[in-house]
Amino acid sequence: MGKPYLEGTRDFMFKNAFTDLEYFCKVMYGNGIKSELECYNVSHLYNAYCLLNNGVLNLYYIYSLLWVFLMELT
């Protein structure tokens, strides 16, 4: 990764809409892949809850709860 790559990503926003999440779930489950959810904050848990209630997310899932405390110290 060099400077040209980093400069090209300065105004890039990763889209992560519910329609994308629903599509990812359908493709994963269609190929026998079990989901893993990395939750960085409470909003991710709420999103998972909505997907589960809408029948998009299967009951089998793994949560990786990542709490970053060191960022507050820097």
PDB file of N, CA and C in Angstrom:
ATOM      1  N   MET A   1       0.841  -1.177   0.000  1.00  0.00           N
ATOM      2  CA  MET A   1       0.000   0.000   0.000  1.00  0.00           C
ATOM      3  C   MET A   1       0.882   1.235   0.000  1.00  0.00           C
ATOM      4  N   GLY A   2       0.744   1.983  -1.008  1.00  0.00           N
ATOM      5  CA  GLY A   2       1.531   3.197  -1.081  1.00  0.00           C
ATOM      6  C   GLY A   2       0.673   4.435  -0.976  1.00  0.00           C
ATOM      7  N   LYS A   3       1.343   5.545  -1.134  1.00  0.00           N
ATOM      8  CA  LYS A   3       0.652   6.830  -1.016  1.00  0.00           C
ATOM      9  C   LYS A   3      -0.466   6.994  -2.056  1.00  0.00           C
ATOM     10  N   PRO A   4      -0.282   6.577  -3.310  1.00  0.00           N
ATOM     11  CA  PRO A   4      -1.375   6.723  -4.279  1.00  0.00           C
ATOM     12  C   PRO A   4      -2.650   5.990  -3.843  1.00  0.00           C
ATOM     13  N   TYR A   5      -2.490   4.804  -3.271  1.00  0.00           N
ATOM     14  CA  TYR A   5      -3.655   4.058  -2.794  1.00  0.00           C
ATOM     15  C   TYR A   5      -4.354   4.820  -1.666  1.00  0.00           C
ATOM     16  N   LEU A   6      -3.574   5.276  -0.704  1.00  0.00           N
ATOM     17  CA  LEU A   6      -4.152   5.998   0.427  1.00  0.00           C
ATOM     18  C   LEU A   6      -4.844   7.281  -0.019  1.00  0.00           C
ATOM     19  N   GLU A   7      -4.238   8.009  -0.950  1.00  0.00           N
ATOM     20  CA  GLU A   7      -4.860   9.229  -1.459  1.00  0.00           C
ATOM     21  C   GLU A   7      -6.165   8.919  -2.176  1.00  0.00           C
ATOM     22  N   GLY A   8      -6.231   7.778  -2.859  1.00  0.00           N
ATOM     23  CA  GLY A   8      -7.442   7.387  -3.582  1.00  0.00           C
ATOM     24  C   GLY A   8      -8.587   6.981  -2.669  1.00  0.00           C
ATOM     25  N   THR A   9      -8.306   6.737  -1.405  1.00  0.00           N
ATOM     26  CA  THR A   9      -9.351   6.313  -0.463  1.00  0.00           C
ATOM     27  C   THR A   9      -9.775   7.423   0.489  1.00  0.00           C
ATOM     28  N   ARG A  10      -9.299   8.619   0.301  1.00  0.00           N
ATOM     29  CA  ARG A  10      -9.607   9.717   1.232  1.00  0.00           C
ATOM     30  C   ARG A  10     -11.094  10.037   1.289  1.00  0.00           C
ATOM     31  N   ASP A  11     -11.782   9.957   0.163  1.00  0.00           N
ATOM     32  CA  ASP A  11     -13.204  10.293   0.148  1.00  0.00           C
ATOM     33  C   ASP A  11     -14.086   9.075  -0.127  1.00  0.00           C
ATOM     34  N   PHE A  12     -13.561   7.893   0.149  1.00  0.00           N
ATOM     35  CA  PHE A  12     -14.302   6.652  -0.089  1.00  0.00           C
ATOM     36  C   PHE A  12     -15.103   6.279   1.155  1.00  0.00           C
ATOM     37  N   MET A  13     -16.381   5.991   0.956  1.00  0.00           N
ATOM     38  CA  MET A  13     -17.259   5.559   2.051  1.00  0.00           C
ATOM     39  C   MET A  13     -17.737   4.146   1.735  1.00  0.00           C
ATOM     40  N   PHE A  14     -17.489   3.209   2.644  1.00  0.00           N
ATOM     41  CA  PHE A  14     -17.937   1.834   2.458  1.00  0.00           C
ATOM     42  C   PHE A  14     -19.425   1.749   2.746  1.00  0.00           C
ATOM     43  N   LYS A  15     -20.209   1.358   1.749  1.00  0.00           N
ATOM     44  CA  LYS A  15     -21.650   1.246   1.894  1.00  0.00           C
ATOM     45  C   LYS A  15     -21.981  -0.063   2.604  1.00  0.00           C
ATOM     46  N   ASN A  16     -22.827   0.014   3.610  1.00  0.00           N
ATOM     47  CA  ASN A  16     -23.182  -1.168   4.397  1.00  0.00           C
ATOM     48  C   ASN A  16     -24.673  -1.094   4.764  1.00  0.00           C
ATOM     49  N   ALA A  17     -25.509  -0.968   3.732  1.00  0.00           N
ATOM     50  CA  ALA A  17     -26.945  -0.802   3.936  1.00  0.00           C
ATOM     51  C   ALA A  17     -27.615  -2.144   4.243  1.00  0.00           C
ATOM     52  N   PHE A  18     -28.829  -2.089   4.756  1.00  0.00           N
ATOM     53  CA  PHE A  18     -29.555  -3.328   5.064  1.00  0.00           C
ATOM     54  C   PHE A  18     -29.769  -4.176   3.818  1.00  0.00           C
ATOM     55  N   THR A  19     -29.976  -3.551   2.666  1.00  0.00           N
ATOM     56  CA  THR A  19     -30.139  -4.340   1.441  1.00  0.00           C
ATOM     57  C   THR A  19     -28.872  -5.133   1.140  1.00  0.00           C
ATOM     58  N   ASP A  20     -27.710  -4.533   1.401  1.00  0.00           N
ATOM     59  CA  ASP A  20     -26.441  -5.250   1.210  1.00  0.00           C
ATOM     60  C   ASP A  20     -26.313  -6.401   2.204  1.00  0.00           C
ATOM     61  N   LEU A  21     -26.637  -6.135   3.469  1.00  0.00           N
ATOM     62  CA  LEU A  21     -26.545  -7.179   4.494  1.00  0.00           C
ATOM     63  C   LEU A  21     -27.481  -8.341   4.184  1.00  0.00           C
ATOM     64  N   GLU A  22     -28.688  -8.034   3.719  1.00  0.00           N
ATOM     65  CA  GLU A  22     -29.644  -9.089   3.353  1.00  0.00           C
ATOM     66  C   GLU A  22     -29.101  -9.916   2.197  1.00  0.00           C
ATOM     67  N   TYR A  23     -28.515  -9.257   1.205  1.00  0.00           N
ATOM     68  CA  TYR A  23     -27.930  -9.967   0.063  1.00  0.00           C
ATOM     69  C   TYR A  23     -26.779 -10.865   0.511  1.00  0.00           C
ATOM     70  N   PHE A  24     -25.883 -10.327   1.355  1.00  0.00           N
ATOM     71  CA  PHE A  24     -24.754 -11.122   1.850  1.00  0.00           C
ATOM     72  C   PHE A  24     -25.245 -12.367   2.579  1.00  0.00           C
ATOM     73  N   CYS A  25     -26.263 -12.205   3.425  1.00  0.00           N
ATOM     74  CA  CYS A  25     -26.803 -13.344   4.171  1.00  0.00           C
ATOM     75  C   CYS A  25     -27.369 -14.401   3.225  1.00  0.00           C
ATOM     76  N   LYS A  26     -28.136 -13.980   2.228  1.00  0.00           N
ATOM     77  CA  LYS A  26     -28.727 -14.927   1.278  1.00  0.00           C
ATOM     78  C   LYS A  26     -27.655 -15.691   0.517  1.00  0.00           C
ATOM     79  N   VAL A  27     -26.620 -14.988   0.069  1.00  0.00           N
ATOM     80  CA  VAL A  27     -25.542 -15.642  -0.677  1.00  0.00           C
ATOM     81  C   VAL A  27     -24.766 -16.599   0.224  1.00  0.00           C
ATOM     82  N   MET A  28     -24.449 -16.159   1.454  1.00  0.00           N
ATOM     83  CA  MET A  28     -23.708 -17.021   2.385  1.00  0.00           C
ATOM     84  C   MET A  28     -24.503 -18.281   2.703  1.00  0.00           C
ATOM     85  N   TYR A  29     -25.761 -18.116   3.069  1.00  0.00           N
ATOM     86  CA  TYR A  29     -26.563 -19.280   3.453  1.00  0.00           C
ATOM     87  C   TYR A  29     -26.822 -20.181   2.262  1.00  0.00           C
ATOM     88  N   GLY A  30     -26.939 -19.602   1.071  1.00  0.00           N
ATOM     89  CA  GLY A  30     -27.114 -20.397  -0.145  1.00  0.00           C
ATOM     90  C   GLY A  30     -25.909 -21.262  -0.459  1.00  0.00           C
ATOM     91  N   ASN A  31     -24.742 -20.865   0.067  1.00  0.00           N
ATOM     92  CA  ASN A  31     -23.506 -21.616  -0.153  1.00  0.00           C
ATOM     93  C   ASN A  31     -23.044 -22.369   1.089  1.00  0.00           C
ATOM     94  N   GLY A  32     -23.926 -22.475   2.084  1.00  0.00           N
ATOM     95  CA  GLY A  32     -23.610 -23.240   3.287  1.00  0.00           C
ATOM     96  C   GLY A  32     -22.632 -22.572   4.229  1.00  0.00           C
ATOM     97  N   ILE A  33     -22.485 -21.263   4.141  1.00  0.00           N
ATOM     98  CA  ILE A  33     -21.559 -20.533   4.997  1.00  0.00           C
ATOM     99  C   ILE A  33     -22.305 -20.036   6.226  1.00  0.00           C
ATOM    100  N   LYS A  34     -21.730 -20.258   7.391  1.00  0.00           N
ATOM    101  CA  LYS A  34     -22.314 -19.758   8.642  1.00  0.00           C
ATOM    102  C   LYS A  34     -21.779 -18.364   8.915  1.00  0.00           C
ATOM    103  N   SER A  35     -22.630 -17.516   9.427  1.00  0.00           N
ATOM    104  CA  SER A  35     -22.251 -16.116   9.604  1.00  0.00           C
ATOM    105  C   SER A  35     -21.463 -15.886  10.883  1.00  0.00           C
ATOM    106  N   GLU A  36     -20.635 -14.867  10.825  1.00  0.00           N
ATOM    107  CA  GLU A  36     -19.944 -14.360  12.011  1.00  0.00           C
ATOM    108  C   GLU A  36     -20.158 -12.857  12.011  1.00  0.00           C
ATOM    109  N   LEU A  37     -20.522 -12.306  13.134  1.00  0.00           N
ATOM    110  CA  LEU A  37     -20.790 -10.881  13.223  1.00  0.00           C
ATOM    111  C   LEU A  37     -19.743 -10.226  14.109  1.00  0.00           C
ATOM    112  N   GLU A  38     -19.085  -9.229  13.576  1.00  0.00           N
ATOM    113  CA  GLU A  38     -18.149  -8.442  14.381  1.00  0.00           C
ATOM    114  C   GLU A  38     -18.880  -7.188  14.816  1.00  0.00           C
ATOM    115  N   CYS A  39     -19.071  -7.050  16.097  1.00  0.00           N
ATOM    116  CA  CYS A  39     -19.847  -5.936  16.643  1.00  0.00           C
ATOM    117  C   CYS A  39     -18.904  -4.977  17.359  1.00  0.00           C
ATOM    118  N   TYR A  40     -18.760  -3.789  16.801  1.00  0.00           N
ATOM    119  CA  TYR A  40     -17.877  -2.779  17.365  1.00  0.00           C
ATOM    120  C   TYR A  40     -18.607  -1.835  18.307  1.00  0.00           C
ATOM    121  N   ASN A  41     -19.924  -1.773  18.185  1.00  0.00           N
ATOM    122  CA  ASN A  41     -20.703  -0.928  19.083  1.00  0.00           C
ATOM    123  C   ASN A  41     -22.136  -1.462  19.167  1.00  0.00           C
ATOM    124  N   VAL A  42     -22.927  -0.871  20.011  1.00  0.00           N
ATOM    125  CA  VAL A  42     -24.288  -1.359  20.263  1.00  0.00           C
ATOM    126  C   VAL A  42     -25.150  -1.326  19.006  1.00  0.00           C
ATOM    127  N   SER A  43     -24.925  -0.377  18.129  1.00  0.00           N
ATOM    128  CA  SER A  43     -25.743  -0.295  16.914  1.00  0.00           C
ATOM    129  C   SER A  43     -25.610  -1.554  16.063  1.00  0.00           C
ATOM    130  N   HIS A  44     -24.451  -2.191  16.084  1.00  0.00           N
ATOM    131  CA  HIS A  44     -24.283  -3.441  15.340  1.00  0.00           C
ATOM    132  C   HIS A  44     -25.157  -4.546  15.925  1.00  0.00           C
ATOM    133  N   LEU A  45     -25.304  -4.561  17.240  1.00  0.00           N
ATOM    134  CA  LEU A  45     -26.186  -5.543  17.875  1.00  0.00           C
ATOM    135  C   LEU A  45     -27.641  -5.296  17.481  1.00  0.00           C
ATOM    136  N   TYR A  46     -28.038  -4.028  17.425  1.00  0.00           N
ATOM    137  CA  TYR A  46     -29.397  -3.699  17.000  1.00  0.00           C
ATOM    138  C   TYR A  46     -29.631  -4.110  15.549  1.00  0.00           C
ATOM    139  N   ASN A  47     -28.648  -3.895  14.685  1.00  0.00           N
ATOM    140  CA  ASN A  47     -28.766  -4.304  13.284  1.00  0.00           C
ATOM    141  C   ASN A  47     -28.926  -5.813  13.183  1.00  0.00           C
ATOM    142  N   ALA A  48     -28.139  -6.563  13.948  1.00  0.00           N
ATOM    143  CA  ALA A  48     -28.247  -8.022  13.940  1.00  0.00           C
ATOM    144  C   ALA A  48     -29.628  -8.455  14.422  1.00  0.00           C
ATOM    145  N   TYR A  49     -30.140  -7.774  15.433  1.00  0.00           N
ATOM    146  CA  TYR A  49     -31.469  -8.075  15.964  1.00  0.00           C
ATOM    147  C   TYR A  49     -32.547  -7.859  14.890  1.00  0.00           C
ATOM    148  N   CYS A  50     -32.438  -6.772  14.148  1.00  0.00           N
ATOM    149  CA  CYS A  50     -33.404  -6.504  13.074  1.00  0.00           C
ATOM    150  C   CYS A  50     -33.328  -7.577  11.988  1.00  0.00           C
ATOM    151  N   LEU A  51     -32.111  -7.952  11.595  1.00  0.00           N
ATOM    152  CA  LEU A  51     -31.961  -8.988  10.566  1.00  0.00           C
ATOM    153  C   LEU A  51     -32.500 -10.327  11.044  1.00  0.00           C
ATOM    154  N   LEU A  52     -32.308 -10.631  12.309  1.00  0.00           N
ATOM    155  CA  LEU A  52     -32.818 -11.872  12.884  1.00  0.00           C
ATOM    156  C   LEU A  52     -34.349 -11.865  12.911  1.00  0.00           C
ATOM    157  N   ASN A  53     -34.937 -10.757  13.338  1.00  0.00           N
ATOM    158  CA  ASN A  53     -36.401 -10.650  13.393  1.00  0.00           C
ATOM    159  C   ASN A  53     -37.047 -10.671  12.018  1.00  0.00           C
ATOM    160  N   ASN A  54     -36.340 -10.203  10.992  1.00  0.00           N
ATOM    161  CA  ASN A  54     -36.871 -10.208   9.630  1.00  0.00           C
ATOM    162  C   ASN A  54     -36.624 -11.527   8.914  1.00  0.00           C
ATOM    163  N   GLY A  55     -36.007 -12.480   9.607  1.00  0.00           N
ATOM    164  CA  GLY A  55     -35.771 -13.799   9.024  1.00  0.00           C
ATOM    165  C   GLY A  55     -34.606 -13.854   8.056  1.00  0.00           C
ATOM    166  N   VAL A  56     -33.803 -12.815   8.023  1.00  0.00           N
ATOM    167  CA  VAL A  56     -32.658 -12.776   7.110  1.00  0.00           C
ATOM    168  C   VAL A  56     -31.453 -13.479   7.727  1.00  0.00           C
ATOM    169  N   LEU A  57     -31.242 -13.273   9.009  1.00  0.00           N
ATOM    170  CA  LEU A  57     -30.127 -13.877   9.732  1.00  0.00           C
ATOM    171  C   LEU A  57     -30.606 -15.156  10.399  1.00  0.00           C
ATOM    172  N   ASN A  58     -29.867 -16.237  10.185  1.00  0.00           N
ATOM    173  CA  ASN A  58     -30.234 -17.514  10.800  1.00  0.00           C
ATOM    174  C   ASN A  58     -29.949 -17.498  12.292  1.00  0.00           C
ATOM    175  N   LEU A  59     -30.534 -18.438  12.999  1.00  0.00           N
ATOM    176  CA  LEU A  59     -30.328 -18.507  14.439  1.00  0.00           C
ATOM    177  C   LEU A  59     -28.903 -18.873  14.806  1.00  0.00           C
ATOM    178  N   TYR A  60     -28.184 -19.535  13.878  1.00  0.00           N
ATOM    179  CA  TYR A  60     -26.783 -19.838  14.157  1.00  0.00           C
ATOM    180  C   TYR A  60     -25.949 -18.625  13.773  1.00  0.00           C
ATOM    181  N   TYR A  61     -25.284 -18.037  14.708  1.00  0.00           N
ATOM    182  CA  TYR A  61     -24.387 -16.930  14.430  1.00  0.00           C
ATOM    183  C   TYR A  61     -23.345 -16.839  15.528  1.00  0.00           C
ATOM    184  N   ILE A  62     -22.245 -16.223  15.199  1.00  0.00           N
ATOM    185  CA  ILE A  62     -21.150 -16.022  16.141  1.00  0.00           C
ATOM    186  C   ILE A  62     -20.943 -14.524  16.266  1.00  0.00           C
ATOM    187  N   TYR A  63     -20.885 -14.041  17.482  1.00  0.00           N
ATOM    188  CA  TYR A  63     -20.591 -12.634  17.721  1.00  0.00           C
ATOM    189  C   TYR A  63     -19.128 -12.487  18.115  1.00  0.00           C
ATOM    190  N   SER A  64     -18.459 -11.553  17.519  1.00  0.00           N
ATOM    191  CA  SER A  64     -17.129 -11.148  17.959  1.00  0.00           C
ATOM    192  C   SER A  64     -17.284  -9.733  18.491  1.00  0.00           C
ATOM    193  N   LEU A  65     -17.335  -9.608  19.782  1.00  0.00           N
ATOM    194  CA  LEU A  65     -17.510  -8.300  20.398  1.00  0.00           C
ATOM    195  C   LEU A  65     -16.144  -7.670  20.619  1.00  0.00           C
ATOM    196  N   LEU A  66     -15.904  -6.566  19.970  1.00  0.00           N
ATOM    197  CA  LEU A  66     -14.604  -5.917  20.024  1.00  0.00           C
ATOM    198  C   LEU A  66     -14.743  -4.572  20.720  1.00  0.00           C
ATOM    199  N   TRP A  67     -14.147  -4.471  21.860  1.00  0.00           N
ATOM    200  CA  TRP A  67     -14.194  -3.232  22.615  1.00  0.00           C
ATOM    201  C   TRP A  67     -12.809  -2.614  22.609  1.00  0.00           C
ATOM    202  N   VAL A  68     -12.703  -1.407  22.158  1.00  0.00           N
ATOM    203  CA  VAL A  68     -11.406  -0.741  22.026  1.00  0.00           C
ATOM    204  C   VAL A  68     -11.335   0.363  23.073  1.00  0.00           C
ATOM    205  N   PHE A  69     -10.559   0.113  24.117  1.00  0.00           N
ATOM    206  CA  PHE A  69     -10.398   1.094  25.183  1.00  0.00           C
ATOM    207  C   PHE A  69      -9.149   1.950  24.979  1.00  0.00           C
ATOM    208  N   LEU A  70      -8.152   1.409  24.304  1.00  0.00           N
ATOM    209  CA  LEU A  70      -6.897   2.132  24.132  1.00  0.00           C
ATOM    210  C   LEU A  70      -7.053   3.372  23.274  1.00  0.00           C
ATOM    211  N   MET A  71      -8.049   3.391  22.411  1.00  0.00           N
ATOM    212  CA  MET A  71      -8.243   4.558  21.544  1.00  0.00           C
ATOM    213  C   MET A  71      -8.565   5.790  22.381  1.00  0.00           C
ATOM    214  N   GLU A  72      -9.197   5.593  23.528  1.00  0.00           N
ATOM    215  CA  GLU A  72      -9.520   6.718  24.391  1.00  0.00           C
ATOM    216  C   GLU A  72      -8.276   7.294  25.052  1.00  0.00           C
ATOM    217  N   LEU A  73      -7.227   6.493  25.150  1.00  0.00           N
ATOM    218  CA  LEU A  73      -6.018   6.939  25.830  1.00  0.00           C
ATOM    219  C   LEU A  73      -5.062   7.691  24.908  1.00  0.00           C
ATOM    220  N   THR A  74      -5.269   7.566  23.599  1.00  0.00           N
ATOM    221  CA  THR A  74      -4.333   8.208  22.662  1.00  0.00           C
ATOM    222  C   THR A  74      -4.786   9.588  22.269  1.00  0.00           C
TER     223      THR A  74
END
